[in-house]
Amino acid sequence: MAMVRSGLLQTALRRVSSASSAPPKRGFASSAHHDDAYETAKWEKITYLGIATCTVLAFYNLSKGHPHYEEPPRYEYLHIRNKEFPWGMFPYPCKLVFVKPC
């Protein structure tokens, strides 16, 4: 019984002490010394400058020449078709147009 009274007393004291103190004030580090409009304008200018820079670099990079390589030789073991496909080579309506008679 004494423990219940002690617990109730502690709860009551906590409520009284928290009610009497003022609620904590929220402070944000970014809003303390700087104007939000100034920061927004600054980052907007930085963004546009970055977009322009990336666009210029992309045009420069794409306009430069690039090496053209020779095509690799056709190897005999690639694309081997020894057996007919079970569904045929072409759909039925197109088969008559594309397949030449022997």
PDB file of N, CA and C in Angstrom:
ATOM      1  N   MET A   1       0.813  -1.186   0.000  1.00  0.00           N
ATOM      2  CA  MET A   1       0.000   0.000   0.000  1.00  0.00           C
ATOM      3  C   MET A   1       0.867   1.265   0.000  1.00  0.00           C
ATOM      4  N   ALA A   2       1.966   1.169   0.712  1.00  0.00           N
ATOM      5  CA  ALA A   2       2.864   2.320   0.790  1.00  0.00           C
ATOM      6  C   ALA A   2       3.491   2.601  -0.572  1.00  0.00           C
ATOM      7  N   MET A   3       3.758   1.539  -1.353  1.00  0.00           N
ATOM      8  CA  MET A   3       4.352   1.726  -2.677  1.00  0.00           C
ATOM      9  C   MET A   3       3.371   2.404  -3.622  1.00  0.00           C
ATOM     10  N   VAL A   4       2.089   2.077  -3.489  1.00  0.00           N
ATOM     11  CA  VAL A   4       1.079   2.688  -4.349  1.00  0.00           C
ATOM     12  C   VAL A   4       0.988   4.180  -4.051  1.00  0.00           C
ATOM     13  N   ARG A   5       0.973   4.523  -2.742  1.00  0.00           N
ATOM     14  CA  ARG A   5       0.911   5.938  -2.365  1.00  0.00           C
ATOM     15  C   ARG A   5       2.155   6.675  -2.851  1.00  0.00           C
ATOM     16  N   SER A   6       3.308   6.023  -2.750  1.00  0.00           N
ATOM     17  CA  SER A   6       4.552   6.647  -3.195  1.00  0.00           C
ATOM     18  C   SER A   6       4.520   6.902  -4.701  1.00  0.00           C
ATOM     19  N   GLY A   7       4.017   5.922  -5.463  1.00  0.00           N
ATOM     20  CA  GLY A   7       3.909   6.071  -6.914  1.00  0.00           C
ATOM     21  C   GLY A   7       2.944   7.174  -7.298  1.00  0.00           C
ATOM     22  N   LEU A   8       1.801   7.239  -6.602  1.00  0.00           N
ATOM     23  CA  LEU A   8       0.833   8.290  -6.883  1.00  0.00           C
ATOM     24  C   LEU A   8       1.402   9.662  -6.546  1.00  0.00           C
ATOM     25  N   LEU A   9       2.143   9.747  -5.441  1.00  0.00           N
ATOM     26  CA  LEU A   9       2.748  11.011  -5.039  1.00  0.00           C
ATOM     27  C   LEU A   9       3.772  11.475  -6.076  1.00  0.00           C
ATOM     28  N   GLN A  10       4.583  10.554  -6.568  1.00  0.00           N
ATOM     29  CA  GLN A  10       5.585  10.918  -7.576  1.00  0.00           C
ATOM     30  C   GLN A  10       4.919  11.381  -8.875  1.00  0.00           C
ATOM     31  N   THR A  11       3.843  10.709  -9.272  1.00  0.00           N
ATOM     32  CA  THR A  11       3.123  11.098 -10.481  1.00  0.00           C
ATOM     33  C   THR A  11       2.521  12.482 -10.322  1.00  0.00           C
ATOM     34  N   ALA A  12       1.943  12.742  -9.178  1.00  0.00           N
ATOM     35  CA  ALA A  12       1.348  14.057  -8.928  1.00  0.00           C
ATOM     36  C   ALA A  12       2.416  15.142  -8.931  1.00  0.00           C
ATOM     37  N   LEU A  13       3.560  14.866  -8.334  1.00  0.00           N
ATOM     38  CA  LEU A  13       4.634  15.859  -8.309  1.00  0.00           C
ATOM     39  C   LEU A  13       5.165  16.135  -9.716  1.00  0.00           C
ATOM     40  N   ARG A  14       5.248  15.104 -10.539  1.00  0.00           N
ATOM     41  CA  ARG A  14       5.711  15.292 -11.910  1.00  0.00           C
ATOM     42  C   ARG A  14       4.749  16.178 -12.698  1.00  0.00           C
ATOM     43  N   ARG A  15       3.458  15.940 -12.516  1.00  0.00           N
ATOM     44  CA  ARG A  15       2.463  16.736 -13.231  1.00  0.00           C
ATOM     45  C   ARG A  15       2.511  18.194 -12.805  1.00  0.00           C
ATOM     46  N   VAL A  16       2.680  18.433 -11.525  1.00  0.00           N
ATOM     47  CA  VAL A  16       2.724  19.803 -11.024  1.00  0.00           C
ATOM     48  C   VAL A  16       3.976  20.509 -11.534  1.00  0.00           C
ATOM     49  N   SER A  17       5.096  19.820 -11.499  1.00  0.00           N
ATOM     50  CA  SER A  17       6.340  20.468 -11.930  1.00  0.00           C
ATOM     51  C   SER A  17       6.342  20.731 -13.432  1.00  0.00           C
ATOM     52  N   SER A  18       5.765  19.836 -14.235  1.00  0.00           N
ATOM     53  CA  SER A  18       5.752  20.051 -15.679  1.00  0.00           C
ATOM     54  C   SER A  18       4.731  21.108 -16.065  1.00  0.00           C
ATOM     55  N   ALA A  19       3.641  21.237 -15.322  1.00  0.00           N
ATOM     56  CA  ALA A  19       2.629  22.237 -15.636  1.00  0.00           C
ATOM     57  C   ALA A  19       3.113  23.634 -15.287  1.00  0.00           C
ATOM     58  N   SER A  20       3.926  23.767 -14.271  1.00  0.00           N
ATOM     59  CA  SER A  20       4.367  25.092 -13.846  1.00  0.00           C
ATOM     60  C   SER A  20       5.471  25.645 -14.736  1.00  0.00           C
ATOM     61  N   SER A  21       6.252  24.786 -15.342  1.00  0.00           N
ATOM     62  CA  SER A  21       7.334  25.283 -16.192  1.00  0.00           C
ATOM     63  C   SER A  21       6.784  25.625 -17.574  1.00  0.00           C
ATOM     64  N   ALA A  22       7.404  26.579 -18.209  1.00  0.00           N
ATOM     65  CA  ALA A  22       6.974  27.003 -19.539  1.00  0.00           C
ATOM     66  C   ALA A  22       7.354  25.925 -20.553  1.00  0.00           C
ATOM     67  N   PRO A  23       6.564  25.790 -21.603  1.00  0.00           N
ATOM     68  CA  PRO A  23       6.918  24.793 -22.621  1.00  0.00           C
ATOM     69  C   PRO A  23       8.233  25.181 -23.288  1.00  0.00           C
ATOM     70  N   PRO A  24       9.011  24.218 -23.700  1.00  0.00           N
ATOM     71  CA  PRO A  24      10.310  24.536 -24.306  1.00  0.00           C
ATOM     72  C   PRO A  24      10.122  25.293 -25.619  1.00  0.00           C
ATOM     73  N   LYS A  25      10.997  26.220 -25.851  1.00  0.00           N
ATOM     74  CA  LYS A  25      10.947  27.024 -27.056  1.00  0.00           C
ATOM     75  C   LYS A  25      11.728  26.315 -28.159  1.00  0.00           C
ATOM     76  N   ARG A  26      11.118  26.227 -29.331  1.00  0.00           N
ATOM     77  CA  ARG A  26      11.775  25.570 -30.456  1.00  0.00           C
ATOM     78  C   ARG A  26      12.676  26.567 -31.155  1.00  0.00           C
ATOM     79  N   GLY A  27      13.914  26.199 -31.299  1.00  0.00           N
ATOM     80  CA  GLY A  27      14.855  27.062 -32.000  1.00  0.00           C
ATOM     81  C   GLY A  27      15.469  26.312 -33.172  1.00  0.00           C
ATOM     82  N   PHE A  28      15.408  26.902 -34.333  1.00  0.00           N
ATOM     83  CA  PHE A  28      15.979  26.276 -35.520  1.00  0.00           C
ATOM     84  C   PHE A  28      17.258  27.010 -35.892  1.00  0.00           C
ATOM     85  N   ALA A  29      18.290  26.267 -36.148  1.00  0.00           N
ATOM     86  CA  ALA A  29      19.590  26.873 -36.419  1.00  0.00           C
ATOM     87  C   ALA A  29      19.586  27.649 -37.732  1.00  0.00           C
ATOM     88  N   SER A  30      18.837  27.178 -38.730  1.00  0.00           N
ATOM     89  CA  SER A  30      18.867  27.856 -40.022  1.00  0.00           C
ATOM     90  C   SER A  30      18.102  29.171 -39.996  1.00  0.00           C
ATOM     91  N   SER A  31      17.123  29.308 -39.118  1.00  0.00           N
ATOM     92  CA  SER A  31      16.319  30.523 -39.087  1.00  0.00           C
ATOM     93  C   SER A  31      16.791  31.513 -38.045  1.00  0.00           C
ATOM     94  N   ALA A  32      17.779  31.186 -37.293  1.00  0.00           N
ATOM     95  CA  ALA A  32      18.175  32.058 -36.195  1.00  0.00           C
ATOM     96  C   ALA A  32      18.828  33.335 -36.688  1.00  0.00           C
ATOM     97  N   HIS A  33      19.702  33.266 -37.670  1.00  0.00           N
ATOM     98  CA  HIS A  33      20.472  34.442 -38.051  1.00  0.00           C
ATOM     99  C   HIS A  33      20.281  34.854 -39.506  1.00  0.00           C
ATOM    100  N   HIS A  34      19.707  34.005 -40.326  1.00  0.00           N
ATOM    101  CA  HIS A  34      19.624  34.301 -41.750  1.00  0.00           C
ATOM    102  C   HIS A  34      18.179  34.475 -42.169  1.00  0.00           C
ATOM    103  N   ASP A  35      18.019  35.225 -43.218  1.00  0.00           N
ATOM    104  CA  ASP A  35      16.697  35.412 -43.781  1.00  0.00           C
ATOM    105  C   ASP A  35      16.424  34.259 -44.751  1.00  0.00           C
ATOM    106  N   ASP A  36      15.243  33.665 -44.654  1.00  0.00           N
ATOM    107  CA  ASP A  36      14.924  32.515 -45.503  1.00  0.00           C
ATOM    108  C   ASP A  36      14.841  32.904 -46.974  1.00  0.00           C
ATOM    109  N   ALA A  37      14.346  34.078 -47.269  1.00  0.00           N
ATOM    110  CA  ALA A  37      14.236  34.509 -48.664  1.00  0.00           C
ATOM    111  C   ALA A  37      15.620  34.654 -49.294  1.00  0.00           C
ATOM    112  N   TYR A  38      16.571  35.152 -48.541  1.00  0.00           N
ATOM    113  CA  TYR A  38      17.942  35.294 -49.046  1.00  0.00           C
ATOM    114  C   TYR A  38      18.534  33.927 -49.364  1.00  0.00           C
ATOM    115  N   GLU A  39      18.365  32.971 -48.465  1.00  0.00           N
ATOM    116  CA  GLU A  39      18.906  31.622 -48.691  1.00  0.00           C
ATOM    117  C   GLU A  39      18.233  30.956 -49.885  1.00  0.00           C
ATOM    118  N   THR A  40      16.927  31.136 -50.019  1.00  0.00           N
ATOM    119  CA  THR A  40      16.210  30.544 -51.147  1.00  0.00           C
ATOM    120  C   THR A  40      16.703  31.129 -52.465  1.00  0.00           C
ATOM    121  N   ALA A  41      16.863  32.435 -52.507  1.00  0.00           N
ATOM    122  CA  ALA A  41      17.348  33.082 -53.733  1.00  0.00           C
ATOM    123  C   ALA A  41      18.769  32.632 -54.059  1.00  0.00           C
ATOM    124  N   LYS A  42      19.597  32.482 -53.037  1.00  0.00           N
ATOM    125  CA  LYS A  42      20.978  32.042 -53.257  1.00  0.00           C
ATOM    126  C   LYS A  42      21.009  30.648 -53.875  1.00  0.00           C
ATOM    127  N   TRP A  43      20.239  29.723 -53.320  1.00  0.00           N
ATOM    128  CA  TRP A  43      20.268  28.357 -53.834  1.00  0.00           C
ATOM    129  C   TRP A  43      19.581  28.247 -55.191  1.00  0.00           C
ATOM    130  N   GLU A  44      18.639  29.125 -55.470  1.00  0.00           N
ATOM    131  CA  GLU A  44      18.029  29.136 -56.794  1.00  0.00           C
ATOM    132  C   GLU A  44      19.062  29.562 -57.840  1.00  0.00           C
ATOM    133  N   LYS A  45      19.867  30.577 -57.519  1.00  0.00           N
ATOM    134  CA  LYS A  45      20.925  31.015 -58.438  1.00  0.00           C
ATOM    135  C   LYS A  45      21.973  29.923 -58.627  1.00  0.00           C
ATOM    136  N   ILE A  46      22.330  29.240 -57.554  1.00  0.00           N
ATOM    137  CA  ILE A  46      23.305  28.151 -57.651  1.00  0.00           C
ATOM    138  C   ILE A  46      22.765  27.028 -58.531  1.00  0.00           C
ATOM    139  N   THR A  47      21.470  26.729 -58.396  1.00  0.00           N
ATOM    140  CA  THR A  47      20.855  25.669 -59.202  1.00  0.00           C
ATOM    141  C   THR A  47      20.879  26.027 -60.680  1.00  0.00           C
ATOM    142  N   TYR A  48      20.480  27.255 -61.014  1.00  0.00           N
ATOM    143  CA  TYR A  48      20.485  27.669 -62.418  1.00  0.00           C
ATOM    144  C   TYR A  48      21.897  27.692 -62.992  1.00  0.00           C
ATOM    145  N   LEU A  49      22.858  28.123 -62.211  1.00  0.00           N
ATOM    146  CA  LEU A  49      24.247  28.110 -62.659  1.00  0.00           C
ATOM    147  C   LEU A  49      24.718  26.671 -62.907  1.00  0.00           C
ATOM    148  N   GLY A  50      24.340  25.750 -62.033  1.00  0.00           N
ATOM    149  CA  GLY A  50      24.704  24.343 -62.215  1.00  0.00           C
ATOM    150  C   GLY A  50      24.066  23.747 -63.456  1.00  0.00           C
ATOM    151  N   ILE A  51      22.799  24.089 -63.711  1.00  0.00           N
ATOM    152  CA  ILE A  51      22.122  23.585 -64.907  1.00  0.00           C
ATOM    153  C   ILE A  51      22.813  24.108 -66.164  1.00  0.00           C
ATOM    154  N   ALA A  52      23.135  25.397 -66.180  1.00  0.00           N
ATOM    155  CA  ALA A  52      23.806  25.976 -67.348  1.00  0.00           C
ATOM    156  C   ALA A  52      25.182  25.345 -67.557  1.00  0.00           C
ATOM    157  N   THR A  53      25.924  25.150 -66.479  1.00  0.00           N
ATOM    158  CA  THR A  53      27.255  24.550 -66.587  1.00  0.00           C
ATOM    159  C   THR A  53      27.175  23.124 -67.123  1.00  0.00           C
ATOM    160  N   CYS A  54      26.269  22.339 -66.598  1.00  0.00           N
ATOM    161  CA  CYS A  54      26.129  20.952 -67.068  1.00  0.00           C
ATOM    162  C   CYS A  54      25.692  20.900 -68.527  1.00  0.00           C
ATOM    163  N   THR A  55      24.822  21.821 -68.940  1.00  0.00           N
ATOM    164  CA  THR A  55      24.378  21.848 -70.331  1.00  0.00           C
ATOM    165  C   THR A  55      25.533  22.183 -71.267  1.00  0.00           C
ATOM    166  N   VAL A  56      26.326  23.187 -70.911  1.00  0.00           N
ATOM    167  CA  VAL A  56      27.475  23.563 -71.744  1.00  0.00           C
ATOM    168  C   VAL A  56      28.476  22.417 -71.823  1.00  0.00           C
ATOM    169  N   LEU A  57      28.762  21.786 -70.705  1.00  0.00           N
ATOM    170  CA  LEU A  57      29.704  20.661 -70.715  1.00  0.00           C
ATOM    171  C   LEU A  57      29.167  19.483 -71.529  1.00  0.00           C
ATOM    172  N   ALA A  58      27.864  19.243 -71.474  1.00  0.00           N
ATOM    173  CA  ALA A  58      27.281  18.152 -72.256  1.00  0.00           C
ATOM    174  C   ALA A  58      27.388  18.439 -73.752  1.00  0.00           C
ATOM    175  N   PHE A  59      27.077  19.680 -74.173  1.00  0.00           N
ATOM    176  CA  PHE A  59      27.216  20.032 -75.589  1.00  0.00           C
ATOM    177  C   PHE A  59      28.659  19.899 -76.049  1.00  0.00           C
ATOM    178  N   TYR A  60      29.579  20.347 -75.249  1.00  0.00           N
ATOM    179  CA  TYR A  60      30.995  20.249 -75.618  1.00  0.00           C
ATOM    180  C   TYR A  60      31.420  18.790 -75.752  1.00  0.00           C
ATOM    181  N   ASN A  61      31.030  17.981 -74.787  1.00  0.00           N
ATOM    182  CA  ASN A  61      31.435  16.578 -74.785  1.00  0.00           C
ATOM    183  C   ASN A  61      30.801  15.817 -75.949  1.00  0.00           C
ATOM    184  N   LEU A  62      29.544  16.122 -76.267  1.00  0.00           N
ATOM    185  CA  LEU A  62      28.874  15.417 -77.357  1.00  0.00           C
ATOM    186  C   LEU A  62      29.317  15.903 -78.732  1.00  0.00           C
ATOM    187  N   SER A  63      29.833  17.132 -78.818  1.00  0.00           N
ATOM    188  CA  SER A  63      30.251  17.648 -80.120  1.00  0.00           C
ATOM    189  C   SER A  63      31.646  17.176 -80.515  1.00  0.00           C
ATOM    190  N   LYS A  64      32.416  16.691 -79.564  1.00  0.00           N
ATOM    191  CA  LYS A  64      33.750  16.183 -79.889  1.00  0.00           C
ATOM    192  C   LYS A  64      33.624  14.898 -80.696  1.00  0.00           C
ATOM    193  N   GLY A  65      34.632  14.634 -81.501  1.00  0.00           N
ATOM    194  CA  GLY A  65      34.641  13.400 -82.265  1.00  0.00           C
ATOM    195  C   GLY A  65      34.908  12.203 -81.364  1.00  0.00           C
ATOM    196  N   HIS A  66      34.474  11.061 -81.823  1.00  0.00           N
ATOM    197  CA  HIS A  66      34.735   9.835 -81.078  1.00  0.00           C
ATOM    198  C   HIS A  66      35.216   8.769 -82.056  1.00  0.00           C
ATOM    199  N   PRO A  67      36.014   7.844 -81.583  1.00  0.00           N
ATOM    200  CA  PRO A  67      36.587   6.846 -82.499  1.00  0.00           C
ATOM    201  C   PRO A  67      35.522   5.864 -82.997  1.00  0.00           C
ATOM    202  N   HIS A  68      35.663   5.487 -84.256  1.00  0.00           N
ATOM    203  CA  HIS A  68      34.791   4.476 -84.841  1.00  0.00           C
ATOM    204  C   HIS A  68      35.611   3.196 -84.984  1.00  0.00           C
ATOM    205  N   TYR A  69      35.084   2.135 -84.461  1.00  0.00           N
ATOM    206  CA  TYR A  69      35.797   0.867 -84.471  1.00  0.00           C
ATOM    207  C   TYR A  69      35.280  -0.004 -85.606  1.00  0.00           C
ATOM    208  N   GLU A  70      36.139  -0.895 -86.081  1.00  0.00           N
ATOM    209  CA  GLU A  70      35.732  -1.835 -87.119  1.00  0.00           C
ATOM    210  C   GLU A  70      34.782  -2.860 -86.522  1.00  0.00           C
ATOM    211  N   GLU A  71      33.894  -3.360 -87.377  1.00  0.00           N
ATOM    212  CA  GLU A  71      32.969  -4.377 -86.896  1.00  0.00           C
ATOM    213  C   GLU A  71      33.726  -5.676 -86.672  1.00  0.00           C
ATOM    214  N   PRO A  72      33.384  -6.404 -85.627  1.00  0.00           N
ATOM    215  CA  PRO A  72      34.065  -7.678 -85.385  1.00  0.00           C
ATOM    216  C   PRO A  72      33.684  -8.690 -86.464  1.00  0.00           C
ATOM    217  N   PRO A  73      34.538  -9.667 -86.715  1.00  0.00           N
ATOM    218  CA  PRO A  73      34.226 -10.668 -87.750  1.00  0.00           C
ATOM    219  C   PRO A  73      33.028 -11.523 -87.330  1.00  0.00           C
ATOM    220  N   ARG A  74      32.319 -12.032 -88.341  1.00  0.00           N
ATOM    221  CA  ARG A  74      31.173 -12.895 -88.058  1.00  0.00           C
ATOM    222  C   ARG A  74      31.696 -14.298 -87.778  1.00  0.00           C
ATOM    223  N   TYR A  75      31.437 -14.776 -86.599  1.00  0.00           N
ATOM    224  CA  TYR A  75      31.891 -16.109 -86.215  1.00  0.00           C
ATOM    225  C   TYR A  75      30.863 -17.145 -86.641  1.00  0.00           C
ATOM    226  N   GLU A  76      31.347 -18.318 -87.031  1.00  0.00           N
ATOM    227  CA  GLU A  76      30.447 -19.355 -87.533  1.00  0.00           C
ATOM    228  C   GLU A  76      29.553 -19.920 -86.440  1.00  0.00           C
ATOM    229  N   TYR A  77      30.011 -19.861 -85.210  1.00  0.00           N
ATOM    230  CA  TYR A  77      29.251 -20.507 -84.136  1.00  0.00           C
ATOM    231  C   TYR A  77      28.160 -19.602 -83.554  1.00  0.00           C
ATOM    232  N   LEU A  78      28.000 -18.412 -84.063  1.00  0.00           N
ATOM    233  CA  LEU A  78      26.936 -17.532 -83.585  1.00  0.00           C
ATOM    234  C   LEU A  78      25.716 -17.643 -84.486  1.00  0.00           C
ATOM    235  N   HIS A  79      24.553 -17.577 -83.927  1.00  0.00           N
ATOM    236  CA  HIS A  79      23.270 -17.590 -84.641  1.00  0.00           C
ATOM    237  C   HIS A  79      23.104 -18.835 -85.505  1.00  0.00           C
ATOM    238  N   ILE A  80      23.432 -19.992 -84.976  1.00  0.00           N
ATOM    239  CA  ILE A  80      23.261 -21.250 -85.699  1.00  0.00           C
ATOM    240  C   ILE A  80      21.793 -21.663 -85.585  1.00  0.00           C
ATOM    241  N   ARG A  81      21.171 -21.965 -86.740  1.00  0.00           N
ATOM    242  CA  ARG A  81      19.778 -22.411 -86.768  1.00  0.00           C
ATOM    243  C   ARG A  81      19.727 -23.748 -87.516  1.00  0.00           C
ATOM    244  N   ASN A  82      19.905 -24.852 -86.788  1.00  0.00           N
ATOM    245  CA  ASN A  82      19.903 -26.173 -87.412  1.00  0.00           C
ATOM    246  C   ASN A  82      18.510 -26.771 -87.487  1.00  0.00           C
ATOM    247  N   LYS A  83      17.600 -26.293 -86.669  1.00  0.00           N
ATOM    248  CA  LYS A  83      16.285 -26.898 -86.583  1.00  0.00           C
ATOM    249  C   LYS A  83      15.233 -25.806 -86.762  1.00  0.00           C
ATOM    250  N   GLU A  84      14.129 -26.141 -87.399  1.00  0.00           N
ATOM    251  CA  GLU A  84      13.043 -25.184 -87.577  1.00  0.00           C
ATOM    252  C   GLU A  84      12.420 -24.848 -86.226  1.00  0.00           C
ATOM    253  N   PHE A  85      11.932 -23.625 -86.116  1.00  0.00           N
ATOM    254  CA  PHE A  85      11.198 -23.260 -84.917  1.00  0.00           C
ATOM    255  C   PHE A  85       9.875 -24.012 -84.898  1.00  0.00           C
ATOM    256  N   PRO A  86       9.385 -24.420 -83.728  1.00  0.00           N
ATOM    257  CA  PRO A  86       8.117 -25.162 -83.693  1.00  0.00           C
ATOM    258  C   PRO A  86       6.945 -24.314 -84.165  1.00  0.00           C
ATOM    259  N   TRP A  87       7.022 -23.014 -84.082  1.00  0.00           N
ATOM    260  CA  TRP A  87       5.928 -22.147 -84.500  1.00  0.00           C
ATOM    261  C   TRP A  87       6.139 -21.610 -85.910  1.00  0.00           C
ATOM    262  N   GLY A  88       7.234 -21.991 -86.538  1.00  0.00           N
ATOM    263  CA  GLY A  88       7.519 -21.508 -87.880  1.00  0.00           C
ATOM    264  C   GLY A  88       8.332 -20.227 -87.817  1.00  0.00           C
ATOM    265  N   MET A  89       8.829 -19.812 -88.952  1.00  0.00           N
ATOM    266  CA  MET A  89       9.676 -18.632 -88.988  1.00  0.00           C
ATOM    267  C   MET A  89       8.853 -17.346 -88.973  1.00  0.00           C
ATOM    268  N   PHE A  90       7.665 -17.361 -89.605  1.00  0.00           N
ATOM    269  CA  PHE A  90       6.824 -16.172 -89.701  1.00  0.00           C
ATOM    270  C   PHE A  90       5.405 -16.525 -89.271  1.00  0.00           C
ATOM    271  N   PRO A  91       4.629 -15.523 -88.902  1.00  0.00           N
ATOM    272  CA  PRO A  91       3.202 -15.793 -88.680  1.00  0.00           C
ATOM    273  C   PRO A  91       2.544 -16.213 -89.993  1.00  0.00           C
ATOM    274  N   TYR A  92       1.460 -16.941 -89.919  1.00  0.00           N
ATOM    275  CA  TYR A  92       0.857 -17.562 -91.099  1.00  0.00           C
ATOM    276  C   TYR A  92       0.484 -16.566 -92.191  1.00  0.00           C
ATOM    277  N   PRO A  93      -0.190 -15.415 -91.924  1.00  0.00           N
ATOM    278  CA  PRO A  93      -0.561 -14.530 -93.044  1.00  0.00           C
ATOM    279  C   PRO A  93       0.655 -13.952 -93.762  1.00  0.00           C
ATOM    280  N   CYS A  94       1.735 -13.704 -93.052  1.00  0.00           N
ATOM    281  CA  CYS A  94       2.921 -13.118 -93.680  1.00  0.00           C
ATOM    282  C   CYS A  94       3.791 -14.179 -94.337  1.00  0.00           C
ATOM    283  N   LYS A  95       3.584 -15.440 -94.010  1.00  0.00           N
ATOM    284  CA  LYS A  95       4.457 -16.500 -94.505  1.00  0.00           C
ATOM    285  C   LYS A  95       4.379 -16.609 -96.024  1.00  0.00           C
ATOM    286  N   LEU A  96       3.200 -16.442 -96.563  1.00  0.00           N
ATOM    287  CA  LEU A  96       3.033 -16.575 -98.002  1.00  0.00           C
ATOM    288  C   LEU A  96       3.707 -15.431 -98.753  1.00  0.00           C
ATOM    289  N   VAL A  97       3.841 -14.284 -98.123  1.00  0.00           N
ATOM    290  CA  VAL A  97       4.443 -13.133 -98.783  1.00  0.00           C
ATOM    291  C   VAL A  97       5.961 -13.227 -98.764  1.00  0.00           C
ATOM    292  N   PHE A  98       6.543 -13.637 -97.615  1.00  0.00           N
ATOM    293  CA  PHE A  98       7.988 -13.578 -97.449  1.00  0.00           C
ATOM    294  C   PHE A  98       8.723 -14.829 -97.922  1.00  0.00           C
ATOM    295  N   VAL A  99       8.107 -15.998 -97.820  1.00  0.00           N
ATOM    296  CA  VAL A  99       8.793 -17.234 -98.173  1.00  0.00           C
ATOM    297  C   VAL A  99       8.649 -17.467 -99.674  1.00  0.00           C
ATOM    298  N   LYS A 100       9.799 -17.624-100.347  1.00  0.00           N
ATOM    299  CA  LYS A 100       9.781 -17.846-101.794  1.00  0.00           C
ATOM    300  C   LYS A 100       9.700 -19.348-102.063  1.00  0.00           C
ATOM    301  N   PRO A 101       8.927 -19.747-103.049  1.00  0.00           N
ATOM    302  CA  PRO A 101       8.882 -21.187-103.369  1.00  0.00           C
ATOM    303  C   PRO A 101      10.189 -21.647-103.996  1.00  0.00           C
ATOM    304  N   CYS A 102      10.507 -22.914-103.812  1.00  0.00           N
ATOM    305  CA  CYS A 102      11.759 -23.469-104.342  1.00  0.00           C
ATOM    306  C   CYS A 102      11.695 -23.686-105.823  1.00  0.00           C
TER     307      CYS A 102
END
